[in-house]
Amino acid sequence: MDDVSAAAVTGPVQWVRSDQLLLVWVRGAVDPAQADLLEQVVEVAAPDDRIVLDLTAVTFFGSAGLKFLATLGRRVDRPVVISGLPDFVRTVLVRTGMHALVSLPTR
């Protein structure tokens, strides 16, 4: 990533965008309190971006997280790749059918 075009490197939602790669790290609870930060990620995503979403440090994943993934998934032309997936988030994604919209790590 020689040419970083945009970045947010503080807070519970951090991201860096370079060329056609958008890396996103989310920490803590993914709930309505983070909705504005998650919306910033959606706004910076381009349709041809490859998006990697690291959820390693997530402690809660509610409806705001599901809405974020659905909105982000509609914005880009390829599945969002999720890394560092806690078991409880995997369960939420599978039970809601959202796992079909993203690329989950294998166990």
PDB file of N, CA and C in Angstrom:
ATOM      1  N   MET A   1       0.829  -1.177   0.000  1.00  0.00           N
ATOM      2  CA  MET A   1       0.000   0.000   0.000  1.00  0.00           C
ATOM      3  C   MET A   1       0.877   1.245   0.000  1.00  0.00           C
ATOM      4  N   ASP A   2       1.399   1.556  -1.146  1.00  0.00           N
ATOM      5  CA  ASP A   2       2.276   2.707  -1.257  1.00  0.00           C
ATOM      6  C   ASP A   2       1.521   4.023  -1.234  1.00  0.00           C
ATOM      7  N   ASP A   3       0.339   4.036  -1.794  1.00  0.00           N
ATOM      8  CA  ASP A   3      -0.415   5.273  -1.916  1.00  0.00           C
ATOM      9  C   ASP A   3      -1.712   5.169  -1.120  1.00  0.00           C
ATOM     10  N   VAL A   4      -1.673   5.591   0.125  1.00  0.00           N
ATOM     11  CA  VAL A   4      -2.870   5.568   0.960  1.00  0.00           C
ATOM     12  C   VAL A   4      -3.719   6.765   0.569  1.00  0.00           C
ATOM     13  N   SER A   5      -4.930   6.486   0.105  1.00  0.00           N
ATOM     14  CA  SER A   5      -5.779   7.575  -0.367  1.00  0.00           C
ATOM     15  C   SER A   5      -6.662   8.148   0.727  1.00  0.00           C
ATOM     16  N   ALA A   6      -6.945   7.358   1.759  1.00  0.00           N
ATOM     17  CA  ALA A   6      -7.772   7.844   2.858  1.00  0.00           C
ATOM     18  C   ALA A   6      -7.602   6.904   4.037  1.00  0.00           C
ATOM     19  N   ALA A   7      -7.786   7.445   5.241  1.00  0.00           N
ATOM     20  CA  ALA A   7      -7.657   6.596   6.421  1.00  0.00           C
ATOM     21  C   ALA A   7      -8.348   7.232   7.615  1.00  0.00           C
ATOM     22  N   ALA A   8      -8.801   6.378   8.520  1.00  0.00           N
ATOM     23  CA  ALA A   8      -9.296   6.773   9.837  1.00  0.00           C
ATOM     24  C   ALA A   8      -8.606   5.829  10.804  1.00  0.00           C
ATOM     25  N   VAL A   9      -7.706   6.342  11.603  1.00  0.00           N
ATOM     26  CA  VAL A   9      -6.855   5.459  12.401  1.00  0.00           C
ATOM     27  C   VAL A   9      -7.040   5.610  13.905  1.00  0.00           C
ATOM     28  N   THR A  10      -8.145   6.182  14.324  1.00  0.00           N
ATOM     29  CA  THR A  10      -8.437   6.256  15.751  1.00  0.00           C
ATOM     30  C   THR A  10      -9.871   5.817  15.990  1.00  0.00           C
ATOM     31  N   GLY A  11     -10.154   5.390  17.212  1.00  0.00           N
ATOM     32  CA  GLY A  11     -11.512   5.012  17.570  1.00  0.00           C
ATOM     33  C   GLY A  11     -11.794   3.539  17.368  1.00  0.00           C
ATOM     34  N   PRO A  12     -13.047   3.141  17.633  1.00  0.00           N
ATOM     35  CA  PRO A  12     -13.414   1.728  17.553  1.00  0.00           C
ATOM     36  C   PRO A  12     -13.554   1.196  16.128  1.00  0.00           C
ATOM     37  N   VAL A  13     -13.673   2.078  15.156  1.00  0.00           N
ATOM     38  CA  VAL A  13     -13.720   1.670  13.750  1.00  0.00           C
ATOM     39  C   VAL A  13     -12.577   2.383  13.039  1.00  0.00           C
ATOM     40  N   GLN A  14     -11.614   1.594  12.569  1.00  0.00           N
ATOM     41  CA  GLN A  14     -10.457   2.157  11.882  1.00  0.00           C
ATOM     42  C   GLN A  14     -10.400   1.572  10.481  1.00  0.00           C
ATOM     43  N   TRP A  15      -9.940   2.365   9.544  1.00  0.00           N
ATOM     44  CA  TRP A  15      -9.827   1.874   8.179  1.00  0.00           C
ATOM     45  C   TRP A  15      -8.724   2.601   7.441  1.00  0.00           C
ATOM     46  N   VAL A  16      -8.237   1.938   6.413  1.00  0.00           N
ATOM     47  CA  VAL A  16      -7.273   2.542   5.502  1.00  0.00           C
ATOM     48  C   VAL A  16      -7.635   2.060   4.098  1.00  0.00           C
ATOM     49  N   ARG A  17      -7.609   2.985   3.160  1.00  0.00           N
ATOM     50  CA  ARG A  17      -7.943   2.668   1.763  1.00  0.00           C
ATOM     51  C   ARG A  17      -6.754   3.020   0.890  1.00  0.00           C
ATOM     52  N   SER A  18      -6.376   2.073   0.050  1.00  0.00           N
ATOM     53  CA  SER A  18      -5.275   2.280  -0.874  1.00  0.00           C
ATOM     54  C   SER A  18      -5.586   1.546  -2.166  1.00  0.00           C
ATOM     55  N   ASP A  19      -5.470   2.252  -3.267  1.00  0.00           N
ATOM     56  CA  ASP A  19      -5.811   1.673  -4.564  1.00  0.00           C
ATOM     57  C   ASP A  19      -7.213   1.075  -4.480  1.00  0.00           C
ATOM     58  N   GLN A  20      -7.344  -0.217  -4.702  1.00  0.00           N
ATOM     59  CA  GLN A  20      -8.663  -0.856  -4.659  1.00  0.00           C
ATOM     60  C   GLN A  20      -8.781  -1.797  -3.467  1.00  0.00           C
ATOM     61  N   LEU A  21      -8.128  -1.458  -2.374  1.00  0.00           N
ATOM     62  CA  LEU A  21      -8.172  -2.263  -1.157  1.00  0.00           C
ATOM     63  C   LEU A  21      -8.607  -1.384   0.009  1.00  0.00           C
ATOM     64  N   LEU A  22      -9.622  -1.836   0.722  1.00  0.00           N
ATOM     65  CA  LEU A  22     -10.104  -1.139   1.912  1.00  0.00           C
ATOM     66  C   LEU A  22      -9.999  -2.110   3.081  1.00  0.00           C
ATOM     67  N   LEU A  23      -9.120  -1.797   4.028  1.00  0.00           N
ATOM     68  CA  LEU A  23      -8.948  -2.607   5.228  1.00  0.00           C
ATOM     69  C   LEU A  23      -9.676  -1.923   6.370  1.00  0.00           C
ATOM     70  N   VAL A  24     -10.485  -2.693   7.106  1.00  0.00           N
ATOM     71  CA  VAL A  24     -11.298  -2.137   8.190  1.00  0.00           C
ATOM     72  C   VAL A  24     -11.098  -2.985   9.438  1.00  0.00           C
ATOM     73  N   TRP A  25     -10.858  -2.317  10.575  1.00  0.00           N
ATOM     74  CA  TRP A  25     -10.739  -2.984  11.867  1.00  0.00           C
ATOM     75  C   TRP A  25     -11.833  -2.437  12.772  1.00  0.00           C
ATOM     76  N   VAL A  26     -12.571  -3.338  13.393  1.00  0.00           N
ATOM     77  CA  VAL A  26     -13.645  -2.927  14.295  1.00  0.00           C
ATOM     78  C   VAL A  26     -13.360  -3.522  15.665  1.00  0.00           C
ATOM     79  N   ARG A  27     -13.508  -2.682  16.713  1.00  0.00           N
ATOM     80  CA  ARG A  27     -13.285  -3.133  18.090  1.00  0.00           C
ATOM     81  C   ARG A  27     -14.517  -2.834  18.920  1.00  0.00           C
ATOM     82  N   GLY A  28     -14.709  -3.660  19.949  1.00  0.00           N
ATOM     83  CA  GLY A  28     -15.784  -3.409  20.899  1.00  0.00           C
ATOM     84  C   GLY A  28     -17.139  -3.826  20.364  1.00  0.00           C
ATOM     85  N   ALA A  29     -18.162  -3.127  20.827  1.00  0.00           N
ATOM     86  CA  ALA A  29     -19.543  -3.454  20.464  1.00  0.00           C
ATOM     87  C   ALA A  29     -19.916  -2.828  19.127  1.00  0.00           C
ATOM     88  N   VAL A  30     -20.450  -3.643  18.226  1.00  0.00           N
ATOM     89  CA  VAL A  30     -20.969  -3.133  16.954  1.00  0.00           C
ATOM     90  C   VAL A  30     -22.464  -2.931  17.169  1.00  0.00           C
ATOM     91  N   ASP A  31     -22.789  -1.713  17.579  1.00  0.00           N
ATOM     92  CA  ASP A  31     -24.158  -1.372  17.954  1.00  0.00           C
ATOM     93  C   ASP A  31     -24.485   0.020  17.418  1.00  0.00           C
ATOM     94  N   PRO A  32     -25.678   0.538  17.689  1.00  0.00           N
ATOM     95  CA  PRO A  32     -26.046   1.854  17.143  1.00  0.00           C
ATOM     96  C   PRO A  32     -25.080   2.986  17.504  1.00  0.00           C
ATOM     97  N   ALA A  33     -24.351   2.859  18.596  1.00  0.00           N
ATOM     98  CA  ALA A  33     -23.402   3.909  18.972  1.00  0.00           C
ATOM     99  C   ALA A  33     -22.290   4.058  17.933  1.00  0.00           C
ATOM    100  N   GLN A  34     -22.021   3.015  17.165  1.00  0.00           N
ATOM    101  CA  GLN A  34     -20.974   3.068  16.140  1.00  0.00           C
ATOM    102  C   GLN A  34     -21.536   3.305  14.738  1.00  0.00           C
ATOM    103  N   ALA A  35     -22.813   3.522  14.625  1.00  0.00           N
ATOM    104  CA  ALA A  35     -23.455   3.629  13.307  1.00  0.00           C
ATOM    105  C   ALA A  35     -22.820   4.702  12.424  1.00  0.00           C
ATOM    106  N   ASP A  36     -22.525   5.862  12.975  1.00  0.00           N
ATOM    107  CA  ASP A  36     -21.930   6.935  12.168  1.00  0.00           C
ATOM    108  C   ASP A  36     -20.548   6.544  11.655  1.00  0.00           C
ATOM    109  N   LEU A  37     -19.761   5.884  12.506  1.00  0.00           N
ATOM    110  CA  LEU A  37     -18.426   5.450  12.093  1.00  0.00           C
ATOM    111  C   LEU A  37     -18.512   4.383  11.006  1.00  0.00           C
ATOM    112  N   LEU A  38     -19.450   3.464  11.158  1.00  0.00           N
ATOM    113  CA  LEU A  38     -19.632   2.420  10.153  1.00  0.00           C
ATOM    114  C   LEU A  38     -20.105   3.020   8.829  1.00  0.00           C
ATOM    115  N   GLU A  39     -20.943   4.042   8.896  1.00  0.00           N
ATOM    116  CA  GLU A  39     -21.427   4.714   7.686  1.00  0.00           C
ATOM    117  C   GLU A  39     -20.272   5.379   6.933  1.00  0.00           C
ATOM    118  N   GLN A  40     -19.276   5.890   7.652  1.00  0.00           N
ATOM    119  CA  GLN A  40     -18.105   6.481   7.000  1.00  0.00           C
ATOM    120  C   GLN A  40     -17.375   5.448   6.150  1.00  0.00           C
ATOM    121  N   VAL A  41     -17.305   4.217   6.650  1.00  0.00           N
ATOM    122  CA  VAL A  41     -16.659   3.144   5.889  1.00  0.00           C
ATOM    123  C   VAL A  41     -17.434   2.884   4.602  1.00  0.00           C
ATOM    124  N   VAL A  42     -18.752   2.830   4.702  1.00  0.00           N
ATOM    125  CA  VAL A  42     -19.587   2.601   3.516  1.00  0.00           C
ATOM    126  C   VAL A  42     -19.374   3.724   2.505  1.00  0.00           C
ATOM    127  N   GLU A  43     -19.303   4.950   2.974  1.00  0.00           N
ATOM    128  CA  GLU A  43     -19.144   6.098   2.074  1.00  0.00           C
ATOM    129  C   GLU A  43     -17.811   6.090   1.342  1.00  0.00           C
ATOM    130  N   VAL A  44     -16.757   5.609   1.986  1.00  0.00           N
ATOM    131  CA  VAL A  44     -15.435   5.618   1.362  1.00  0.00           C
ATOM    132  C   VAL A  44     -15.224   4.409   0.449  1.00  0.00           C
ATOM    133  N   ALA A  45     -16.033   3.379   0.585  1.00  0.00           N
ATOM    134  CA  ALA A  45     -15.887   2.170  -0.236  1.00  0.00           C
ATOM    135  C   ALA A  45     -16.297   2.443  -1.681  1.00  0.00           C
ATOM    136  N   ALA A  46     -15.473   1.983  -2.600  1.00  0.00           N
ATOM    137  CA  ALA A  46     -15.785   2.095  -4.025  1.00  0.00           C
ATOM    138  C   ALA A  46     -16.287   0.738  -4.527  1.00  0.00           C
ATOM    139  N   PRO A  47     -17.134   0.740  -5.557  1.00  0.00           N
ATOM    140  CA  PRO A  47     -17.708  -0.518  -6.044  1.00  0.00           C
ATOM    141  C   PRO A  47     -16.685  -1.598  -6.396  1.00  0.00           C
ATOM    142  N   ASP A  48     -15.502  -1.193  -6.885  1.00  0.00           N
ATOM    143  CA  ASP A  48     -14.509  -2.194  -7.282  1.00  0.00           C
ATOM    144  C   ASP A  48     -13.483  -2.492  -6.190  1.00  0.00           C
ATOM    145  N   ASP A  49     -13.690  -1.997  -4.982  1.00  0.00           N
ATOM    146  CA  ASP A  49     -12.768  -2.271  -3.874  1.00  0.00           C
ATOM    147  C   ASP A  49     -12.841  -3.723  -3.415  1.00  0.00           C
ATOM    148  N   ARG A  50     -11.705  -4.230  -2.989  1.00  0.00           N
ATOM    149  CA  ARG A  50     -11.659  -5.480  -2.230  1.00  0.00           C
ATOM    150  C   ARG A  50     -11.672  -5.026  -0.774  1.00  0.00           C
ATOM    151  N   ILE A  51     -12.620  -5.530   0.006  1.00  0.00           N
ATOM    152  CA  ILE A  51     -12.762  -5.095   1.392  1.00  0.00           C
ATOM    153  C   ILE A  51     -12.449  -6.249   2.323  1.00  0.00           C
ATOM    154  N   VAL A  52     -11.552  -5.987   3.265  1.00  0.00           N
ATOM    155  CA  VAL A  52     -11.214  -6.957   4.299  1.00  0.00           C
ATOM    156  C   VAL A  52     -11.619  -6.340   5.631  1.00  0.00           C
ATOM    157  N   LEU A  53     -12.482  -7.037   6.345  1.00  0.00           N
ATOM    158  CA  LEU A  53     -13.049  -6.560   7.604  1.00  0.00           C
ATOM    159  C   LEU A  53     -12.545  -7.449   8.735  1.00  0.00           C
ATOM    160  N   ASP A  54     -11.749  -6.881   9.639  1.00  0.00           N
ATOM    161  CA  ASP A  54     -11.203  -7.634  10.769  1.00  0.00           C
ATOM    162  C   ASP A  54     -12.093  -7.415  11.991  1.00  0.00           C
ATOM    163  N   LEU A  55     -12.721  -8.490  12.444  1.00  0.00           N
ATOM    164  CA  LEU A  55     -13.631  -8.425  13.592  1.00  0.00           C
ATOM    165  C   LEU A  55     -13.039  -9.099  14.829  1.00  0.00           C
ATOM    166  N   THR A  56     -11.741  -9.308  14.859  1.00  0.00           N
ATOM    167  CA  THR A  56     -11.080 -10.003  15.957  1.00  0.00           C
ATOM    168  C   THR A  56     -11.452  -9.431  17.318  1.00  0.00           C
ATOM    169  N   ALA A  57     -11.500  -8.117  17.441  1.00  0.00           N
ATOM    170  CA  ALA A  57     -11.700  -7.464  18.740  1.00  0.00           C
ATOM    171  C   ALA A  57     -13.150  -7.067  19.009  1.00  0.00           C
ATOM    172  N   VAL A  58     -14.097  -7.622  18.256  1.00  0.00           N
ATOM    173  CA  VAL A  58     -15.512  -7.308  18.462  1.00  0.00           C
ATOM    174  C   VAL A  58     -16.038  -8.068  19.675  1.00  0.00           C
ATOM    175  N   THR A  59     -16.785  -7.352  20.538  1.00  0.00           N
ATOM    176  CA  THR A  59     -17.343  -7.965  21.752  1.00  0.00           C
ATOM    177  C   THR A  59     -18.853  -8.150  21.677  1.00  0.00           C
ATOM    178  N   PHE A  60     -19.502  -7.476  20.738  1.00  0.00           N
ATOM    179  CA  PHE A  60     -20.948  -7.581  20.541  1.00  0.00           C
ATOM    180  C   PHE A  60     -21.227  -7.265  19.083  1.00  0.00           C
ATOM    181  N   PHE A  61     -22.154  -8.009  18.475  1.00  0.00           N
ATOM    182  CA  PHE A  61     -22.486  -7.780  17.069  1.00  0.00           C
ATOM    183  C   PHE A  61     -23.995  -7.835  16.927  1.00  0.00           C
ATOM    184  N   GLY A  62     -24.619  -6.662  16.874  1.00  0.00           N
ATOM    185  CA  GLY A  62     -26.074  -6.583  16.825  1.00  0.00           C
ATOM    186  C   GLY A  62     -26.589  -6.160  15.471  1.00  0.00           C
ATOM    187  N   SER A  63     -27.798  -5.623  15.473  1.00  0.00           N
ATOM    188  CA  SER A  63     -28.459  -5.246  14.219  1.00  0.00           C
ATOM    189  C   SER A  63     -27.693  -4.162  13.460  1.00  0.00           C
ATOM    190  N   ALA A  64     -26.978  -3.297  14.171  1.00  0.00           N
ATOM    191  CA  ALA A  64     -26.180  -2.274  13.485  1.00  0.00           C
ATOM    192  C   ALA A  64     -25.085  -2.924  12.646  1.00  0.00           C
ATOM    193  N   GLY A  65     -24.515  -4.003  13.142  1.00  0.00           N
ATOM    194  CA  GLY A  65     -23.500  -4.733  12.390  1.00  0.00           C
ATOM    195  C   GLY A  65     -24.084  -5.413  11.167  1.00  0.00           C
ATOM    196  N   LEU A  66     -25.261  -5.990  11.323  1.00  0.00           N
ATOM    197  CA  LEU A  66     -25.926  -6.639  10.195  1.00  0.00           C
ATOM    198  C   LEU A  66     -26.282  -5.618   9.115  1.00  0.00           C
ATOM    199  N   LYS A  67     -26.791  -4.468   9.539  1.00  0.00           N
ATOM    200  CA  LYS A  67     -27.128  -3.407   8.582  1.00  0.00           C
ATOM    201  C   LYS A  67     -25.871  -2.927   7.859  1.00  0.00           C
ATOM    202  N   PHE A  68     -24.786  -2.761   8.605  1.00  0.00           N
ATOM    203  CA  PHE A  68     -23.514  -2.340   8.025  1.00  0.00           C
ATOM    204  C   PHE A  68     -23.057  -3.322   6.947  1.00  0.00           C
ATOM    205  N   LEU A  69     -23.072  -4.616   7.258  1.00  0.00           N
ATOM    206  CA  LEU A  69     -22.638  -5.614   6.282  1.00  0.00           C
ATOM    207  C   LEU A  69     -23.540  -5.630   5.049  1.00  0.00           C
ATOM    208  N   ALA A  70     -24.841  -5.522   5.255  1.00  0.00           N
ATOM    209  CA  ALA A  70     -25.777  -5.518   4.126  1.00  0.00           C
ATOM    210  C   ALA A  70     -25.548  -4.298   3.236  1.00  0.00           C
ATOM    211  N   THR A  71     -25.391  -3.132   3.845  1.00  0.00           N
ATOM    212  CA  THR A  71     -25.172  -1.894   3.088  1.00  0.00           C
ATOM    213  C   THR A  71     -23.837  -1.935   2.359  1.00  0.00           C
ATOM    214  N   LEU A  72     -22.804  -2.382   3.052  1.00  0.00           N
ATOM    215  CA  LEU A  72     -21.479  -2.481   2.446  1.00  0.00           C
ATOM    216  C   LEU A  72     -21.490  -3.498   1.308  1.00  0.00           C
ATOM    217  N   GLY A  73     -22.167  -4.609   1.512  1.00  0.00           N
ATOM    218  CA  GLY A  73     -22.252  -5.639   0.483  1.00  0.00           C
ATOM    219  C   GLY A  73     -22.945  -5.157  -0.783  1.00  0.00           C
ATOM    220  N   ARG A  74     -23.932  -4.293  -0.640  1.00  0.00           N
ATOM    221  CA  ARG A  74     -24.620  -3.732  -1.812  1.00  0.00           C
ATOM    222  C   ARG A  74     -23.752  -2.697  -2.522  1.00  0.00           C
ATOM    223  N   ARG A  75     -22.832  -2.109  -1.810  1.00  0.00           N
ATOM    224  CA  ARG A  75     -21.998  -1.031  -2.359  1.00  0.00           C
ATOM    225  C   ARG A  75     -20.867  -1.554  -3.253  1.00  0.00           C
ATOM    226  N   VAL A  76     -20.382  -2.760  -2.958  1.00  0.00           N
ATOM    227  CA  VAL A  76     -19.217  -3.283  -3.678  1.00  0.00           C
ATOM    228  C   VAL A  76     -19.602  -4.455  -4.574  1.00  0.00           C
ATOM    229  N   ASP A  77     -18.742  -4.722  -5.550  1.00  0.00           N
ATOM    230  CA  ASP A  77     -19.020  -5.740  -6.557  1.00  0.00           C
ATOM    231  C   ASP A  77     -18.579  -7.150  -6.169  1.00  0.00           C
ATOM    232  N   ARG A  78     -17.943  -7.304  -5.023  1.00  0.00           N
ATOM    233  CA  ARG A  78     -17.472  -8.623  -4.601  1.00  0.00           C
ATOM    234  C   ARG A  78     -17.750  -8.810  -3.119  1.00  0.00           C
ATOM    235  N   PRO A  79     -17.735 -10.059  -2.645  1.00  0.00           N
ATOM    236  CA  PRO A  79     -18.024 -10.288  -1.226  1.00  0.00           C
ATOM    237  C   PRO A  79     -17.003  -9.608  -0.310  1.00  0.00           C
ATOM    238  N   VAL A  80     -17.485  -9.101   0.803  1.00  0.00           N
ATOM    239  CA  VAL A  80     -16.615  -8.561   1.843  1.00  0.00           C
ATOM    240  C   VAL A  80     -15.927  -9.748   2.508  1.00  0.00           C
ATOM    241  N   VAL A  81     -14.607  -9.675   2.633  1.00  0.00           N
ATOM    242  CA  VAL A  81     -13.841 -10.743   3.271  1.00  0.00           C
ATOM    243  C   VAL A  81     -13.746 -10.429   4.756  1.00  0.00           C
ATOM    244  N   ILE A  82     -14.154 -11.382   5.584  1.00  0.00           N
ATOM    245  CA  ILE A  82     -14.077 -11.180   7.028  1.00  0.00           C
ATOM    246  C   ILE A  82     -12.942 -12.017   7.581  1.00  0.00           C
ATOM    247  N   SER A  83     -12.089 -11.382   8.381  1.00  0.00           N
ATOM    248  CA  SER A  83     -11.009 -12.101   9.057  1.00  0.00           C
ATOM    249  C   SER A  83     -11.187 -11.930  10.555  1.00  0.00           C
ATOM    250  N   GLY A  84     -10.548 -12.794  11.320  1.00  0.00           N
ATOM    251  CA  GLY A  84     -10.639 -12.689  12.775  1.00  0.00           C
ATOM    252  C   GLY A  84     -12.061 -12.777  13.272  1.00  0.00           C
ATOM    253  N   LEU A  85     -12.784 -13.776  12.837  1.00  0.00           N
ATOM    254  CA  LEU A  85     -14.212 -13.875  13.130  1.00  0.00           C
ATOM    255  C   LEU A  85     -14.463 -14.612  14.442  1.00  0.00           C
ATOM    256  N   PRO A  86     -14.947 -13.910  15.479  1.00  0.00           N
ATOM    257  CA  PRO A  86     -15.312 -14.591  16.726  1.00  0.00           C
ATOM    258  C   PRO A  86     -16.479 -15.559  16.479  1.00  0.00           C
ATOM    259  N   ASP A  87     -16.508 -16.656  17.225  1.00  0.00           N
ATOM    260  CA  ASP A  87     -17.561 -17.662  17.045  1.00  0.00           C
ATOM    261  C   ASP A  87     -18.962 -17.074  17.182  1.00  0.00           C
ATOM    262  N   PHE A  88     -19.160 -16.160  18.141  1.00  0.00           N
ATOM    263  CA  PHE A  88     -20.508 -15.617  18.340  1.00  0.00           C
ATOM    264  C   PHE A  88     -20.951 -14.768  17.148  1.00  0.00           C
ATOM    265  N   VAL A  89     -20.010 -14.110  16.475  1.00  0.00           N
ATOM    266  CA  VAL A  89     -20.366 -13.336  15.279  1.00  0.00           C
ATOM    267  C   VAL A  89     -20.699 -14.291  14.137  1.00  0.00           C
ATOM    268  N   ARG A  90     -19.925 -15.357  14.003  1.00  0.00           N
ATOM    269  CA  ARG A  90     -20.228 -16.368  12.981  1.00  0.00           C
ATOM    270  C   ARG A  90     -21.649 -16.891  13.174  1.00  0.00           C
ATOM    271  N   THR A  91     -22.013 -17.182  14.425  1.00  0.00           N
ATOM    272  CA  THR A  91     -23.348 -17.688  14.732  1.00  0.00           C
ATOM    273  C   THR A  91     -24.421 -16.692  14.302  1.00  0.00           C
ATOM    274  N   VAL A  92     -24.223 -15.417  14.609  1.00  0.00           N
ATOM    275  CA  VAL A  92     -25.185 -14.376  14.214  1.00  0.00           C
ATOM    276  C   VAL A  92     -25.317 -14.329  12.693  1.00  0.00           C
ATOM    277  N   LEU A  93     -24.190 -14.362  11.990  1.00  0.00           N
ATOM    278  CA  LEU A  93     -24.223 -14.280  10.529  1.00  0.00           C
ATOM    279  C   LEU A  93     -24.924 -15.486   9.912  1.00  0.00           C
ATOM    280  N   VAL A  94     -24.661 -16.664  10.444  1.00  0.00           N
ATOM    281  CA  VAL A  94     -25.286 -17.874   9.902  1.00  0.00           C
ATOM    282  C   VAL A  94     -26.781 -17.900  10.205  1.00  0.00           C
ATOM    283  N   ARG A  95     -27.151 -17.583  11.426  1.00  0.00           N
ATOM    284  CA  ARG A  95     -28.571 -17.628  11.808  1.00  0.00           C
ATOM    285  C   ARG A  95     -29.421 -16.602  11.070  1.00  0.00           C
ATOM    286  N   THR A  96     -28.817 -15.508  10.668  1.00  0.00           N
ATOM    287  CA  THR A  96     -29.573 -14.472   9.955  1.00  0.00           C
ATOM    288  C   THR A  96     -29.454 -14.601   8.435  1.00  0.00           C
ATOM    289  N   GLY A  97     -28.637 -15.523   7.968  1.00  0.00           N
ATOM    290  CA  GLY A  97     -28.432 -15.697   6.534  1.00  0.00           C
ATOM    291  C   GLY A  97     -27.442 -14.721   5.926  1.00  0.00           C
ATOM    292  N   MET A  98     -26.851 -13.863   6.740  1.00  0.00           N
ATOM    293  CA  MET A  98     -25.902 -12.866   6.235  1.00  0.00           C
ATOM    294  C   MET A  98     -24.593 -13.499   5.776  1.00  0.00           C
ATOM    295  N   HIS A  99     -24.326 -14.715   6.205  1.00  0.00           N
ATOM    296  CA  HIS A  99     -23.082 -15.379   5.806  1.00  0.00           C
ATOM    297  C   HIS A  99     -23.007 -15.552   4.287  1.00  0.00           C
ATOM    298  N   ALA A 100     -24.142 -15.550   3.626  1.00  0.00           N
ATOM    299  CA  ALA A 100     -24.161 -15.706   2.170  1.00  0.00           C
ATOM    300  C   ALA A 100     -23.652 -14.457   1.447  1.00  0.00           C
ATOM    301  N   LEU A 101     -23.617 -13.323   2.133  1.00  0.00           N
ATOM    302  CA  LEU A 101     -23.200 -12.062   1.516  1.00  0.00           C
ATOM    303  C   LEU A 101     -21.728 -11.745   1.710  1.00  0.00           C
ATOM    304  N   VAL A 102     -21.045 -12.532   2.547  1.00  0.00           N
ATOM    305  CA  VAL A 102     -19.656 -12.244   2.883  1.00  0.00           C
ATOM    306  C   VAL A 102     -18.812 -13.498   2.683  1.00  0.00           C
ATOM    307  N   SER A 103     -17.506 -13.319   2.712  1.00  0.00           N
ATOM    308  CA  SER A 103     -16.582 -14.442   2.639  1.00  0.00           C
ATOM    309  C   SER A 103     -16.029 -14.668   4.043  1.00  0.00           C
ATOM    310  N   LEU A 104     -16.414 -15.789   4.649  1.00  0.00           N
ATOM    311  CA  LEU A 104     -16.002 -16.095   6.015  1.00  0.00           C
ATOM    312  C   LEU A 104     -14.742 -16.946   6.013  1.00  0.00           C
ATOM    313  N   PRO A 105     -13.895 -16.771   7.033  1.00  0.00           N
ATOM    314  CA  PRO A 105     -12.719 -17.641   7.135  1.00  0.00           C
ATOM    315  C   PRO A 105     -13.158 -19.066   7.458  1.00  0.00           C
ATOM    316  N   THR A 106     -12.389 -20.024   6.966  1.00  0.00           N
ATOM    317  CA  THR A 106     -12.685 -21.412   7.310  1.00  0.00           C
ATOM    318  C   THR A 106     -12.186 -21.682   8.713  1.00  0.00           C
ATOM    319  N   ARG A 107     -12.771 -22.660   9.330  1.00  0.00           N
ATOM    320  CA  ARG A 107     -12.380 -22.968  10.711  1.00  0.00           C
ATOM    321  C   ARG A 107     -11.136 -23.781  10.762  1.00  0.00           C
TER     322      ARG A 107
END
